[in-house]
């Protein structure tokens, strides 16, 4: 059965697109057929994070009726399929958000998970992704303003008939994690399904146009995203197993370097 999740936040800069890219990549890494679609058509960043900012056909062209959905699908890391939006304002002006439902209907016939990166804030374009998903996941920072904005998004989701699965706390630090988690659950009235720590590798990986789970797989944030993805997919997660994989990977690389060129 296909599961559609919209990743949303009340304000920009919370890590919404970063979360969409990394969760999608992690689900694909778990062997799940996964698509990630950038529904933030005005401020599209998913393609940039995934190294697909220069592709010829995007969701803009599909929503303008000038291309097929299949033409806007590109393969990303670990086999995740990415449907980026364009970065041009002209493409945004020509795109019709009402066509999103048709795009989603076509995509869900091809995958197990569809992750939708929604626009930040409250707007007409932002309401559709909230309404068409099976469940919405809120991305929240440990700040009161972020929680208040996320609460507005939750209320809007419920008003349009949607359902909120829970919240992911991003950019968390040792000082504020437990307090913020408890406060967030009280304010939002939903469960915190994951905590992603503040990690400098997040920005570094974005500069390399790659998800942190690919560029820095052993980082704290990468492990957090893998843990959340395993929870969503309903599969067990073992950090010891992750560490074992890392050691094996190091040994494999060492062996290749030692025996390179030898017969």
Protein backbone atom coordinates (compact mmCIF):
# COMPACT_ATOMS: atom_id res chain seq x y z
CA UNK A 1 0.00 0.00 0.00
CA UNK A 2 1.32 3.42 -0.99
CA UNK A 3 1.86 5.97 1.77
CA UNK A 4 1.95 9.70 0.98
CA UNK A 5 3.60 12.06 3.47
CA UNK A 6 3.71 15.84 3.14
CA UNK A 7 6.63 17.47 4.95
CA UNK A 8 5.46 20.90 6.15
CA UNK A 9 6.43 23.76 8.42
CA UNK A 10 4.91 27.06 9.40
CA UNK A 11 8.00 29.05 8.47
CA UNK A 12 10.99 28.72 6.17
CA UNK A 13 14.46 27.70 7.30
CA UNK A 14 13.35 24.90 9.61
CA UNK A 15 14.97 22.11 7.58
CA UNK A 16 11.84 21.03 5.71
CA UNK A 17 13.51 20.41 2.35
CA UNK A 18 16.58 18.87 3.97
CA UNK A 19 14.29 16.47 5.83
CA UNK A 20 12.36 15.60 2.66
CA UNK A 21 15.57 14.84 0.76
CA UNK A 22 17.12 12.75 3.53
CA UNK A 23 14.02 10.80 4.51
CA UNK A 24 13.37 9.98 0.87
CA UNK A 25 16.96 8.83 0.39
CA UNK A 26 16.84 6.73 3.58
CA UNK A 27 13.60 5.03 2.57
CA UNK A 28 15.12 4.17 -0.81
CA UNK A 29 18.21 2.90 0.99
CA UNK A 30 15.91 0.56 2.93
CA UNK A 31 14.79 -0.92 -0.38
CA UNK A 32 11.49 1.00 -0.59
CA UNK A 33 10.44 2.41 -3.94
CA UNK A 34 10.36 6.09 -2.99
CA UNK A 35 9.56 9.31 -4.82
CA UNK A 36 10.22 12.82 -3.48
CA UNK A 37 8.31 15.69 -5.10
CA UNK A 38 9.04 19.39 -4.64
CA UNK A 39 5.67 21.12 -4.28
CA UNK A 40 7.35 24.35 -3.13
CA UNK A 41 7.05 25.77 -6.62
CA UNK A 42 7.88 29.37 -5.76
CA UNK A 43 10.98 28.70 -3.64
CA UNK A 44 12.09 25.35 -5.03
CA UNK A 45 15.21 24.01 -3.32
CA UNK A 46 14.89 20.22 -3.45
CA UNK A 47 16.55 20.01 -6.87
CA UNK A 48 19.48 22.09 -5.63
CA UNK A 49 20.04 19.88 -2.58
CA UNK A 50 19.86 16.76 -4.77
CA UNK A 51 22.15 18.17 -7.48
CA UNK A 52 19.32 18.45 -10.03
CA UNK A 53 19.04 22.21 -10.43
CA UNK A 54 19.90 22.16 -14.15
CA UNK A 55 17.53 19.45 -15.38
CA UNK A 56 15.59 20.36 -18.56
CA UNK A 57 12.09 19.36 -17.41
CA UNK A 58 10.65 19.96 -13.93
CA UNK A 59 7.31 19.88 -12.14
CA UNK A 60 6.73 23.40 -13.47
CA UNK A 61 6.49 22.12 -17.04
CA UNK A 62 4.22 19.27 -15.96
CA UNK A 63 1.85 21.60 -14.10
CA UNK A 64 1.84 23.94 -17.09
CA UNK A 65 0.66 21.05 -19.27
CA UNK A 66 3.84 21.08 -21.37
CA UNK A 67 5.37 17.76 -20.26
CA UNK A 68 4.47 14.32 -18.96
CA UNK A 69 5.06 13.40 -15.32
CA UNK A 70 7.50 10.67 -16.35
CA UNK A 71 9.70 13.28 -18.08
CA UNK A 72 10.20 15.17 -14.79
CA UNK A 73 11.35 12.15 -12.75
CA UNK A 74 15.09 11.80 -12.07
CA UNK A 75 17.07 9.20 -10.14
CA UNK A 76 18.84 10.42 -7.02
CA UNK A 77 21.11 8.78 -4.43
CA UNK A 78 20.33 5.20 -3.35
CA UNK A 79 17.76 4.96 -6.15
CA UNK A 80 15.31 7.54 -4.77
CA UNK A 81 13.22 9.14 -7.54
CA UNK A 82 13.08 12.94 -7.48
CA UNK A 83 10.51 15.25 -9.08
CA UNK A 84 12.08 18.72 -8.73
CA UNK A 85 10.40 22.06 -9.33
CA UNK A 86 12.16 24.64 -11.48
CA UNK A 87 13.99 27.66 -10.15
CA UNK A 88 12.70 30.16 -12.74
CA UNK A 89 9.92 32.59 -11.87
CA UNK A 90 8.46 32.26 -15.36
CA UNK A 91 8.02 28.53 -14.86
CA UNK A 92 6.35 29.21 -11.52
CA UNK A 93 3.91 31.67 -13.11
CA UNK A 94 2.88 29.11 -15.75
CA UNK A 95 2.41 26.23 -13.29
CA UNK A 96 -1.13 25.34 -12.20
CA UNK A 97 -1.11 23.96 -8.59
CA UNK A 98 -4.50 22.36 -9.14
CA UNK A 99 -2.80 19.78 -11.36
CA UNK A 100 -0.88 18.44 -8.35
CA UNK A 101 -3.60 15.92 -7.63
CA UNK A 102 -3.24 14.46 -11.13
CA UNK A 103 0.53 14.27 -10.74
CA UNK A 104 0.17 12.51 -7.40
CA UNK A 105 -2.31 9.99 -8.81
CA UNK A 106 0.20 9.00 -11.46
CA UNK A 107 3.13 8.77 -9.06
CA UNK A 108 1.40 6.65 -6.41
CA UNK A 109 0.94 3.91 -8.96
CA UNK A 110 4.71 3.55 -9.14
CA UNK A 111 5.96 3.73 -5.56
CA UNK A 112 5.62 2.60 -1.96
CA UNK A 113 6.33 6.02 -0.46
CA UNK A 114 5.72 9.50 -1.85
CA UNK A 115 7.31 12.36 0.08
CA UNK A 116 5.98 15.83 -0.77
CA UNK A 117 8.06 18.88 0.15
CA UNK A 118 5.41 21.54 0.83
CA UNK A 119 5.78 25.33 0.65
CA UNK A 120 6.41 27.11 3.94
CA UNK A 121 3.72 29.37 5.34
CA UNK A 122 0.00 29.50 4.64
CA UNK A 123 -0.99 30.02 1.02
CA UNK A 124 -3.24 28.54 -1.66
CA UNK A 125 -0.30 26.64 -3.14
CA UNK A 126 0.56 25.32 0.30
CA UNK A 127 -2.91 24.03 1.16
CA UNK A 128 -3.09 21.43 -1.62
CA UNK A 129 -0.11 19.33 -0.40
CA UNK A 130 -1.65 19.31 3.10
CA UNK A 131 -4.99 18.06 1.78
CA UNK A 132 -3.81 15.37 -0.64
CA UNK A 133 -1.38 13.55 1.69
CA UNK A 134 -2.26 10.54 3.82
CA UNK A 135 -0.47 12.27 6.69
CA UNK A 136 1.46 15.48 7.29
CA UNK A 137 4.76 15.60 9.19
CA UNK A 138 5.55 18.95 10.79
CA UNK A 139 9.16 20.19 10.90
CA UNK A 140 9.83 22.37 13.91
CA UNK A 141 12.86 24.11 15.43
CA UNK A 142 13.30 24.50 19.21
CA UNK A 143 11.93 28.05 19.11
CA UNK A 144 8.55 29.32 20.29
CA UNK A 145 7.88 31.13 16.99
CA UNK A 146 8.52 27.93 15.04
CA UNK A 147 6.13 25.98 17.29
CA UNK A 148 3.40 28.60 16.94
CA UNK A 149 3.73 28.60 13.15
CA UNK A 150 3.69 24.79 13.10
CA UNK A 151 0.50 24.87 15.19
CA UNK A 152 -1.13 27.09 12.56
CA UNK A 153 -0.10 24.57 9.89
CA UNK A 154 -1.58 21.73 11.96
CA UNK A 155 -4.87 23.60 12.36
CA UNK A 156 -4.98 24.37 8.63
CA UNK A 157 -4.26 20.72 7.80
CA UNK A 158 -7.20 19.59 9.91
CA UNK A 159 -9.45 22.29 8.43
CA UNK A 160 -8.86 20.95 4.90
CA UNK A 161 -9.48 17.38 6.02
CA UNK A 162 -5.87 16.29 6.41
CA UNK A 163 -4.20 14.39 9.22
CA UNK A 164 -0.96 15.12 11.09
CA UNK A 165 1.25 12.09 11.85
CA UNK A 166 3.59 13.96 14.18
CA UNK A 167 6.48 16.39 14.34
CA UNK A 168 10.22 16.19 13.79
CA UNK A 169 12.36 18.47 15.93
CA UNK A 170 15.34 19.71 13.91
CA UNK A 171 18.42 21.72 14.85
CA UNK A 172 18.18 20.38 18.39
CA UNK A 173 21.00 20.85 20.92
CA UNK A 174 21.80 19.07 24.18
CA UNK A 175 20.56 22.08 26.16
CA UNK A 176 17.10 22.34 24.66
CA UNK A 177 16.15 18.90 23.35
CA UNK A 178 14.14 17.42 26.24
CA UNK A 179 12.47 20.69 27.21
CA UNK A 180 11.60 21.44 23.58
CA UNK A 181 10.25 17.94 22.96
CA UNK A 182 7.90 18.08 25.92
CA UNK A 183 6.81 21.64 25.18
CA UNK A 184 6.31 20.86 21.49
CA UNK A 185 4.05 17.89 22.23
CA UNK A 186 2.03 20.04 24.62
CA UNK A 187 1.71 22.98 22.21
CA UNK A 188 1.07 20.98 19.02
CA UNK A 189 -0.87 18.12 20.52
CA UNK A 190 1.06 15.60 18.41
CA UNK A 191 3.86 13.16 19.12
CA UNK A 192 7.47 14.01 18.32
CA UNK A 193 8.45 11.15 15.99
CA UNK A 194 12.10 12.13 15.68
CA UNK A 195 14.83 14.52 16.80
CA UNK A 196 17.57 15.70 14.43
CA UNK A 197 20.50 17.37 16.20
CA UNK A 198 22.20 20.56 15.09
CA UNK A 199 25.02 19.32 12.86
CA UNK A 200 27.50 21.43 10.83
CA UNK A 201 27.63 18.63 8.28
CA UNK A 202 24.08 19.49 7.23
CA UNK A 203 25.24 22.75 5.63
CA UNK A 204 28.38 21.10 4.27
CA UNK A 205 26.40 18.40 2.52
CA UNK A 206 24.07 21.03 1.02
CA UNK A 207 27.12 22.80 -0.40
CA UNK A 208 28.09 19.50 -2.05
CA UNK A 209 24.52 19.14 -3.37
CA UNK A 210 24.03 15.82 -1.65
CA UNK A 211 21.89 14.56 1.27
CA UNK A 212 23.80 14.33 4.55
CA UNK A 213 22.98 10.61 4.78
CA UNK A 214 25.06 10.13 1.63
CA UNK A 215 27.82 12.70 2.08
CA UNK A 216 28.33 12.24 5.84
CA UNK A 217 26.65 8.90 6.64
CA UNK A 218 28.25 8.60 10.09
CA UNK A 219 27.18 12.06 11.27
CA UNK A 220 24.71 12.45 14.13
CA UNK A 221 22.09 14.03 11.85
CA UNK A 222 22.39 11.22 9.28
CA UNK A 223 21.84 8.61 11.99
CA UNK A 224 18.78 10.52 13.19
CA UNK A 225 17.26 10.59 9.69
CA UNK A 226 17.88 6.86 9.29
CA UNK A 227 16.19 6.19 12.62
CA UNK A 228 13.13 8.23 11.61
CA UNK A 229 12.94 6.59 8.17
CA UNK A 230 13.10 3.12 9.73
CA UNK A 231 10.24 4.09 12.02
CA UNK A 232 8.16 5.35 9.08
CA UNK A 233 8.90 2.22 7.06
CA UNK A 234 8.14 -0.04 10.02
CA UNK A 235 11.56 -1.68 9.97
CA UNK A 236 13.95 -2.14 12.92
CA UNK A 237 16.90 0.23 13.27
CA UNK A 238 20.14 -0.79 14.91
CA UNK A 239 22.90 1.74 15.47
CA UNK A 240 25.30 -1.13 16.17
CA UNK A 241 24.50 -2.49 12.72
CA UNK A 242 25.17 0.94 11.23
CA UNK A 243 28.54 1.09 12.99
CA UNK A 244 29.36 -2.39 11.74
CA UNK A 245 28.56 -1.35 8.17
CA UNK A 246 30.84 1.67 8.56
CA UNK A 247 33.71 -0.52 9.78
CA UNK A 248 33.20 -2.96 6.92
CA UNK A 249 33.12 -0.09 4.44
CA UNK A 250 36.43 1.22 5.82
CA UNK A 251 38.02 -2.24 5.61
CA UNK A 252 36.80 -2.65 2.02
CA UNK A 253 38.28 0.72 1.03
CA UNK A 254 41.55 -0.11 2.77
CA UNK A 255 41.77 -3.48 1.03
CA UNK A 256 41.13 -1.90 -2.37
CA UNK A 257 43.85 0.69 -1.81
CA UNK A 258 46.36 -1.97 -0.70
CA UNK A 259 45.67 -4.42 -3.48
CA UNK A 260 45.00 -1.90 -6.24
CA UNK A 261 46.77 -2.96 -9.40
CA UNK A 262 47.73 -6.39 -8.00
CA UNK A 263 46.58 -9.55 -9.72
